[in-house]
Amino acid sequence: MRDTKKRAGSHDVARLAGVSRSAVSRAFTPGAYIADETRERVMAAAAMLDYQPNAIARSLSKNSSRLVGIIATDLENPFYSQLLVHMSTELQANGYAVLLMVSRSSHIDDYLSKLLQYQVDGVIVTAATLSSSMAVALQRSGRPVVLVNNYLRDGGVSSVSSDNYRGGRMVADLLVEAGRKRIAFISGEANTSSGRDRGLGLKDRLAELGMTIYAQESGEYRHAEAAEAARRLLSLSPRPDALFCANDVMAIAALMVARSEFGLRVPEDLSVVGFDDSDEATRQTFGLTTVDQHLDDMASKTVSLMLATISGDEKSVQHVVVPVSLVYRATH
């Protein structure tokens, strides 16, 4: 039989605790001022009555859902799954719940429209392409949007990115100093700023040193595609003596192909460098030299920017760049 017992309301908690309904509301609102003794009385009364605040009703009354939407497109990449964990944990610590949508495509306009229907307070977009028309629609809606590791060419939407261009330059210096003459590049998706900037940094620095990229193939940031790209590059004659891969997933795929299919010694015959410093890169099997994007710092800056914009403390479009650093391991 269905349980028809009436649920306790905030007025019941207020009566039992001997406080006002506004005090009950403040007790359940993160960051709201309320005396410790009053909060304890409210929580004790709520426990006795098995009371939980109705988040949907509160969002209607306060015009705030306390929801932040996150659109992710590349959770097979450990970097982005770890980034999602860091951002979600920090948002929850600040009293926000996360509404996650996962897209297989880098074009996510439909997903943004759906998130806005849920009255989210803001949207974080990781590793995806935002169309100019959707950017305009979001600005009109008044909902804050932060792009992570991507930015629009016109700069119209706030973003937090690592210094991808600088990272590419650092890899060029590393490989040239190691004596490499035929440096090939396995790129990511061409329509993301991270993919463009990492390759551009490599190209520009090599040009300054009197060199060019020896050969280039796209690995689309994925393992299987990168393995095929590595096979094509390593079949050249003469073959490259270094591979810079635009993320660790592709670098590990290239490393496996080089060793198992071409019998190459790394780094004696071939240098392999990645980008991300994912957990996989640290494994002794790979010992991958890579560029650290400082994931925790990127996640923290993203959440801080989102919350500041939601609260109205930050009204202008911001572009935050997180410094990168080389992590020297065994493959260069």
Protein backbone atom coordinates (compact mmCIF):
# COMPACT_ATOMS: atom_id res chain seq x y z
CA MET A 1 0.00 0.00 0.00
CA ARG A 2 1.24 3.48 -0.87
CA ASP A 3 2.54 5.49 2.08
CA THR A 4 0.25 8.53 2.37
CA LYS A 5 1.98 10.01 5.41
CA LYS A 6 2.27 13.76 4.97
CA ARG A 7 5.81 15.05 4.70
CA ALA A 8 7.01 17.58 7.23
CA GLY A 9 7.39 21.13 5.95
CA SER A 10 9.65 23.99 6.94
CA HIS A 11 6.88 25.42 9.10
CA ASP A 12 6.85 22.18 11.13
CA VAL A 13 10.60 22.38 11.64
CA ALA A 14 10.35 26.05 12.62
CA ARG A 15 7.61 25.31 15.19
CA LEU A 16 9.53 22.43 16.76
CA ALA A 17 12.84 24.34 16.84
CA GLY A 18 11.20 27.54 18.09
CA VAL A 19 12.57 29.64 15.23
CA SER A 20 11.23 31.45 12.17
CA ARG A 21 10.83 29.80 8.76
CA SER A 22 13.51 32.14 7.42
CA ALA A 23 15.92 30.69 10.00
CA VAL A 24 15.12 27.20 8.71
CA SER A 25 15.84 28.39 5.18
CA ARG A 26 19.18 29.93 6.22
CA ALA A 27 20.18 26.74 8.04
CA PHE A 28 19.93 24.81 4.77
CA THR A 29 21.52 27.49 2.58
CA PRO A 30 25.31 27.15 2.16
CA GLY A 31 27.10 30.31 3.21
CA ALA A 32 24.04 31.97 4.76
CA TYR A 33 24.57 33.65 8.14
CA ILE A 34 22.97 31.87 11.09
CA ALA A 35 24.11 31.41 14.68
CA ASP A 36 25.62 28.01 15.44
CA GLU A 37 23.13 27.35 18.24
CA THR A 38 20.19 28.15 15.97
CA ARG A 39 21.53 25.93 13.20
CA GLU A 40 21.93 23.04 15.64
CA ARG A 41 18.31 23.45 16.87
CA VAL A 42 17.04 23.51 13.29
CA MET A 43 19.03 20.44 12.27
CA ALA A 44 17.92 18.52 15.36
CA ALA A 45 14.28 19.34 14.64
CA ALA A 46 14.70 18.43 10.97
CA ALA A 47 16.19 15.05 11.93
CA MET A 48 13.32 14.32 14.30
CA LEU A 49 10.76 15.13 11.58
CA ASP A 50 12.75 13.46 8.77
CA TYR A 51 12.64 16.78 6.91
CA GLN A 52 14.55 17.55 3.72
CA PRO A 53 14.19 20.89 1.92
CA ASN A 54 12.59 20.80 -1.53
CA ALA A 55 15.35 22.00 -3.84
CA ILE A 56 12.96 22.54 -6.76
CA ALA A 57 10.57 24.66 -4.72
CA ARG A 58 13.45 26.69 -3.31
CA SER A 59 14.82 27.33 -6.79
CA LEU A 60 11.45 28.68 -7.90
CA SER A 61 11.19 31.03 -4.94
CA LYS A 62 14.79 32.25 -5.13
CA ASN A 63 15.14 32.28 -8.94
CA SER A 64 18.20 30.07 -8.56
CA SER A 65 18.37 26.33 -9.14
CA ARG A 66 21.80 25.85 -7.50
CA LEU A 67 22.55 23.70 -10.54
CA VAL A 68 25.55 24.06 -12.82
CA GLY A 69 25.36 22.22 -16.12
CA ILE A 70 28.49 20.54 -17.48
CA ILE A 71 28.79 19.37 -21.07
CA ALA A 72 31.60 16.89 -21.64
CA THR A 73 32.63 15.42 -24.98
CA ASP A 74 35.77 13.41 -24.36
CA LEU A 75 35.42 11.34 -21.18
CA GLU A 76 37.41 8.48 -22.75
CA ASN A 77 40.38 10.80 -22.25
CA PRO A 78 41.49 10.38 -18.60
CA PHE A 79 42.41 14.07 -18.43
CA TYR A 80 38.80 15.16 -18.91
CA SER A 81 37.30 12.52 -16.64
CA GLN A 82 39.68 13.66 -13.88
CA LEU A 83 38.85 17.30 -14.63
CA LEU A 84 35.15 16.50 -14.28
CA VAL A 85 35.73 14.92 -10.85
CA HIS A 86 37.70 17.94 -9.63
CA MET A 87 35.13 20.49 -10.86
CA SER A 88 32.14 18.52 -9.56
CA THR A 89 33.71 18.08 -6.13
CA GLU A 90 34.47 21.79 -5.83
CA LEU A 91 31.01 22.85 -7.03
CA GLN A 92 29.37 20.50 -4.53
CA ALA A 93 31.52 21.90 -1.74
CA ASN A 94 30.08 25.31 -2.63
CA GLY A 95 26.48 24.12 -2.43
CA TYR A 96 25.85 23.45 -6.12
CA ALA A 97 24.70 20.24 -7.76
CA VAL A 98 25.94 19.20 -11.19
CA LEU A 99 23.78 18.31 -14.18
CA LEU A 100 26.00 16.40 -16.62
CA MET A 101 25.39 15.88 -20.31
CA VAL A 102 27.80 13.83 -22.42
CA SER A 103 28.07 14.39 -26.16
CA ARG A 104 29.86 12.17 -28.68
CA SER A 105 30.29 15.19 -30.93
CA SER A 106 32.28 18.36 -30.41
CA HIS A 107 29.27 20.39 -31.62
CA ILE A 108 27.04 20.76 -28.60
CA ASP A 109 24.43 23.46 -29.35
CA ASP A 110 21.50 21.05 -28.81
CA TYR A 111 22.84 20.04 -25.40
CA LEU A 112 23.19 23.66 -24.33
CA SER A 113 19.55 24.31 -25.25
CA LYS A 114 18.45 21.34 -23.14
CA LEU A 115 20.49 22.50 -20.15
CA LEU A 116 18.89 25.94 -20.28
CA GLN A 117 15.47 24.28 -20.06
CA TYR A 118 16.51 22.94 -16.64
CA GLN A 119 17.11 26.50 -15.43
CA VAL A 120 20.75 25.86 -14.58
CA ASP A 121 22.54 28.84 -13.04
CA GLY A 122 25.55 28.41 -15.35
CA VAL A 123 27.15 26.10 -17.90
CA ILE A 124 30.69 24.71 -18.11
CA VAL A 125 31.73 23.26 -21.46
CA THR A 126 34.81 21.02 -21.71
CA ALA A 127 36.67 20.32 -24.95
CA ALA A 128 33.87 21.23 -27.33
CA THR A 129 33.14 23.70 -30.08
CA LEU A 130 30.56 26.39 -29.39
CA SER A 131 28.94 28.01 -32.42
CA SER A 132 28.78 31.79 -32.66
CA SER A 133 24.97 31.67 -32.84
CA MET A 134 24.73 29.68 -29.62
CA ALA A 135 27.21 32.04 -27.95
CA VAL A 136 24.89 34.93 -28.77
CA ALA A 137 21.86 32.98 -27.49
CA LEU A 138 23.62 32.25 -24.22
CA GLN A 139 24.57 35.88 -23.74
CA ARG A 140 20.94 36.87 -24.27
CA SER A 141 19.77 34.27 -21.74
CA GLY A 142 21.97 35.84 -19.08
CA ARG A 143 23.41 32.46 -18.08
CA PRO A 144 27.16 32.41 -17.39
CA VAL A 145 29.17 30.07 -19.61
CA VAL A 146 32.80 29.05 -19.16
CA LEU A 147 34.71 27.08 -21.78
CA VAL A 148 37.46 24.80 -20.47
CA ASN A 149 40.59 24.22 -22.58
CA ASN A 150 38.96 25.89 -25.54
CA TYR A 151 38.06 29.45 -26.47
CA LEU A 152 36.22 31.28 -29.22
CA ARG A 153 38.27 33.20 -31.74
CA ASP A 154 36.18 36.33 -31.14
CA GLY A 155 36.69 35.99 -27.37
CA GLY A 156 32.99 36.48 -26.66
CA VAL A 157 32.65 33.75 -23.99
CA SER A 158 34.72 33.35 -20.82
CA SER A 159 37.32 30.58 -20.86
CA VAL A 160 39.95 28.81 -18.78
CA SER A 161 42.75 27.18 -20.76
CA SER A 162 46.24 25.95 -20.21
CA ASP A 163 49.00 27.78 -22.07
CA ASN A 164 48.83 25.38 -25.01
CA TYR A 165 50.93 27.58 -27.29
CA ARG A 166 53.72 27.82 -24.71
CA GLY A 167 53.55 24.06 -24.22
CA GLY A 168 54.17 23.47 -27.91
CA ARG A 169 57.20 25.75 -27.83
CA MET A 170 58.60 23.98 -24.78
CA VAL A 171 58.35 20.62 -26.55
CA ALA A 172 60.19 22.03 -29.58
CA ASP A 173 63.06 23.18 -27.35
CA LEU A 174 63.16 19.83 -25.56
CA LEU A 175 63.39 17.78 -28.75
CA VAL A 176 65.89 20.03 -30.49
CA GLU A 177 68.12 20.00 -27.41
CA ALA A 178 67.89 16.17 -27.51
CA GLY A 179 69.35 16.30 -31.01
CA ARG A 180 66.19 15.41 -32.94
CA LYS A 181 66.15 16.50 -36.58
CA ARG A 182 62.90 15.03 -37.96
CA ILE A 183 60.16 16.07 -35.55
CA ALA A 184 56.67 14.93 -36.54
CA PHE A 185 53.39 16.05 -35.00
CA ILE A 186 50.23 14.03 -34.30
CA SER A 187 47.55 16.68 -33.93
CA GLY A 188 44.15 16.64 -32.24
CA GLU A 189 40.87 18.02 -33.53
CA ALA A 190 41.55 20.98 -35.79
CA ASN A 191 38.43 22.89 -34.70
CA THR A 192 39.51 23.24 -31.05
CA SER A 193 41.79 26.00 -29.86
CA SER A 194 43.89 23.58 -27.81
CA GLY A 195 44.66 21.53 -30.91
CA ARG A 196 45.54 24.59 -32.96
CA ASP A 197 47.69 26.25 -30.32
CA ARG A 198 49.80 23.22 -29.42
CA GLY A 199 50.74 22.69 -33.07
CA LEU A 200 51.29 26.39 -33.66
CA GLY A 201 53.64 26.64 -30.68
CA LEU A 202 55.68 23.74 -32.02
CA LYS A 203 55.75 25.17 -35.56
CA ASP A 204 56.71 28.71 -34.53
CA ARG A 205 59.51 27.66 -32.21
CA LEU A 206 60.97 25.25 -34.75
CA ALA A 207 60.92 28.06 -37.33
CA GLU A 208 62.86 30.28 -34.94
CA LEU A 209 65.43 27.49 -34.66
CA GLY A 210 65.68 27.12 -38.44
CA MET A 211 63.59 23.94 -38.66
CA THR A 212 60.14 22.85 -39.83
CA ILE A 213 57.70 20.14 -38.73
CA TYR A 214 58.95 17.08 -40.64
CA ALA A 215 55.48 15.54 -41.10
CA GLN A 216 52.03 15.79 -39.56
CA GLU A 217 48.99 13.53 -39.16
CA SER A 218 45.73 13.92 -37.24
CA GLY A 219 44.95 11.53 -34.41
CA GLU A 220 41.67 13.25 -33.43
CA TYR A 221 42.72 13.00 -29.75
CA ARG A 222 41.76 9.27 -29.78
CA HIS A 223 43.79 6.07 -29.35
CA ALA A 224 42.79 4.16 -32.51
CA GLU A 225 43.12 7.16 -34.82
CA ALA A 226 46.49 8.06 -33.27
CA ALA A 227 47.78 4.51 -33.76
CA GLU A 228 46.93 4.76 -37.47
CA ALA A 229 48.60 8.16 -37.66
CA ALA A 230 51.73 6.75 -36.02
CA ARG A 231 51.83 3.87 -38.50
CA ARG A 232 51.73 6.30 -41.42
CA LEU A 233 54.42 8.52 -39.94
CA LEU A 234 56.75 5.69 -38.96
CA SER A 235 56.43 4.18 -42.44
CA LEU A 236 58.06 7.26 -43.98
CA SER A 237 61.61 7.01 -45.29
CA PRO A 238 63.51 8.32 -43.55
CA ARG A 239 61.18 7.94 -40.57
CA PRO A 240 60.78 10.68 -37.93
CA ASP A 241 63.14 10.57 -34.99
CA ALA A 242 60.61 12.30 -32.72
CA LEU A 243 56.81 12.36 -32.32
CA PHE A 244 55.03 15.14 -30.45
CA CYS A 245 51.44 14.09 -29.77
CA ALA A 246 48.82 16.67 -28.78
CA ASN A 247 47.60 14.59 -25.84
CA ASP A 248 48.74 11.62 -23.75
CA VAL A 249 46.14 9.23 -25.16
CA MET A 250 47.66 9.65 -28.62
CA ALA A 251 51.23 9.57 -27.32
CA ILE A 252 50.65 6.24 -25.58
CA ALA A 253 49.08 4.83 -28.76
CA ALA A 254 52.10 6.01 -30.79
CA LEU A 255 54.50 4.60 -28.21
CA MET A 256 52.85 1.17 -28.36
CA VAL A 257 52.92 1.13 -32.17
CA ALA A 258 56.57 2.20 -32.29
CA ARG A 259 57.68 -0.52 -29.90
CA SER A 260 55.47 -3.47 -30.85
CA GLU A 261 55.03 -2.98 -34.61
CA PHE A 262 58.23 -1.24 -35.69
CA GLY A 263 60.61 -2.63 -33.07
CA LEU A 264 61.89 0.85 -32.23
CA ARG A 265 63.73 1.66 -29.02
CA VAL A 266 62.40 4.66 -27.13
CA PRO A 267 64.12 7.05 -26.73
CA GLU A 268 67.22 5.71 -28.50
CA ASP A 269 65.54 5.47 -31.93
CA LEU A 270 62.53 7.68 -31.36
CA SER A 271 61.45 10.34 -28.88
CA VAL A 272 57.75 10.46 -27.92
CA VAL A 273 56.25 13.41 -26.03
CA GLY A 274 52.63 13.85 -24.95
CA PHE A 275 50.46 16.58 -23.46
CA ASP A 276 48.28 16.42 -20.27
CA ASP A 277 50.33 14.48 -17.67
CA SER A 278 47.52 12.00 -17.16
CA ASP A 279 47.72 9.13 -14.68
CA GLU A 280 48.48 6.76 -17.57
CA ALA A 281 51.61 8.76 -18.42
CA THR A 282 53.07 8.07 -14.98
CA ARG A 283 52.92 4.28 -15.31
CA GLN A 284 56.28 2.56 -15.44
CA THR A 285 55.21 0.74 -18.63
CA PHE A 286 55.11 4.06 -20.45
CA GLY A 287 57.11 6.59 -18.41
CA LEU A 288 55.87 9.24 -20.81
CA THR A 289 57.56 12.61 -21.07
CA THR A 290 54.72 15.10 -21.32
CA VAL A 291 53.40 18.61 -20.66
CA ASP A 292 51.56 19.08 -17.36
CA GLN A 293 48.42 21.21 -17.71
CA HIS A 294 48.02 21.37 -13.91
CA LEU A 295 44.53 19.94 -13.94
CA ASP A 296 43.64 20.81 -10.34
CA ASP A 297 44.52 24.47 -10.90
CA MET A 298 42.49 24.55 -14.11
CA ALA A 299 39.46 23.02 -12.35
CA SER A 300 39.72 25.43 -9.41
CA LYS A 301 39.99 28.50 -11.66
CA THR A 302 37.02 27.31 -13.74
CA VAL A 303 34.79 26.90 -10.71
CA SER A 304 35.92 30.20 -9.18
CA LEU A 305 35.17 32.06 -12.40
CA MET A 306 31.78 30.38 -12.74
CA LEU A 307 30.72 31.16 -9.16
CA ALA A 308 31.95 34.75 -9.37
CA THR A 309 29.92 35.27 -12.54
CA ILE A 310 26.80 33.65 -11.07
CA SER A 311 27.01 35.88 -7.99
CA GLY A 312 27.53 38.99 -10.08
CA ASP A 313 30.99 39.68 -8.71
CA GLU A 314 32.46 39.17 -12.19
CA LYS A 315 30.53 40.90 -14.96
CA SER A 316 33.02 40.99 -17.83
CA VAL A 317 34.21 38.19 -20.10
CA GLN A 318 37.41 36.69 -18.71
CA HIS A 319 40.09 34.52 -20.32
CA VAL A 320 42.23 32.74 -17.75
CA VAL A 321 45.44 31.04 -18.89
CA VAL A 322 46.99 28.37 -16.64
CA PRO A 323 50.80 27.97 -16.97
CA VAL A 324 52.16 24.59 -18.10
CA SER A 325 55.37 22.74 -17.30
CA LEU A 326 57.38 19.89 -18.77
CA VAL A 327 57.48 16.56 -16.94
CA TYR A 328 60.68 14.70 -17.82
CA ARG A 329 60.37 10.93 -17.88
CA ALA A 330 61.84 8.19 -20.06
CA THR A 331 60.60 8.77 -23.62
CA HIS A 332 62.50 11.82 -24.87
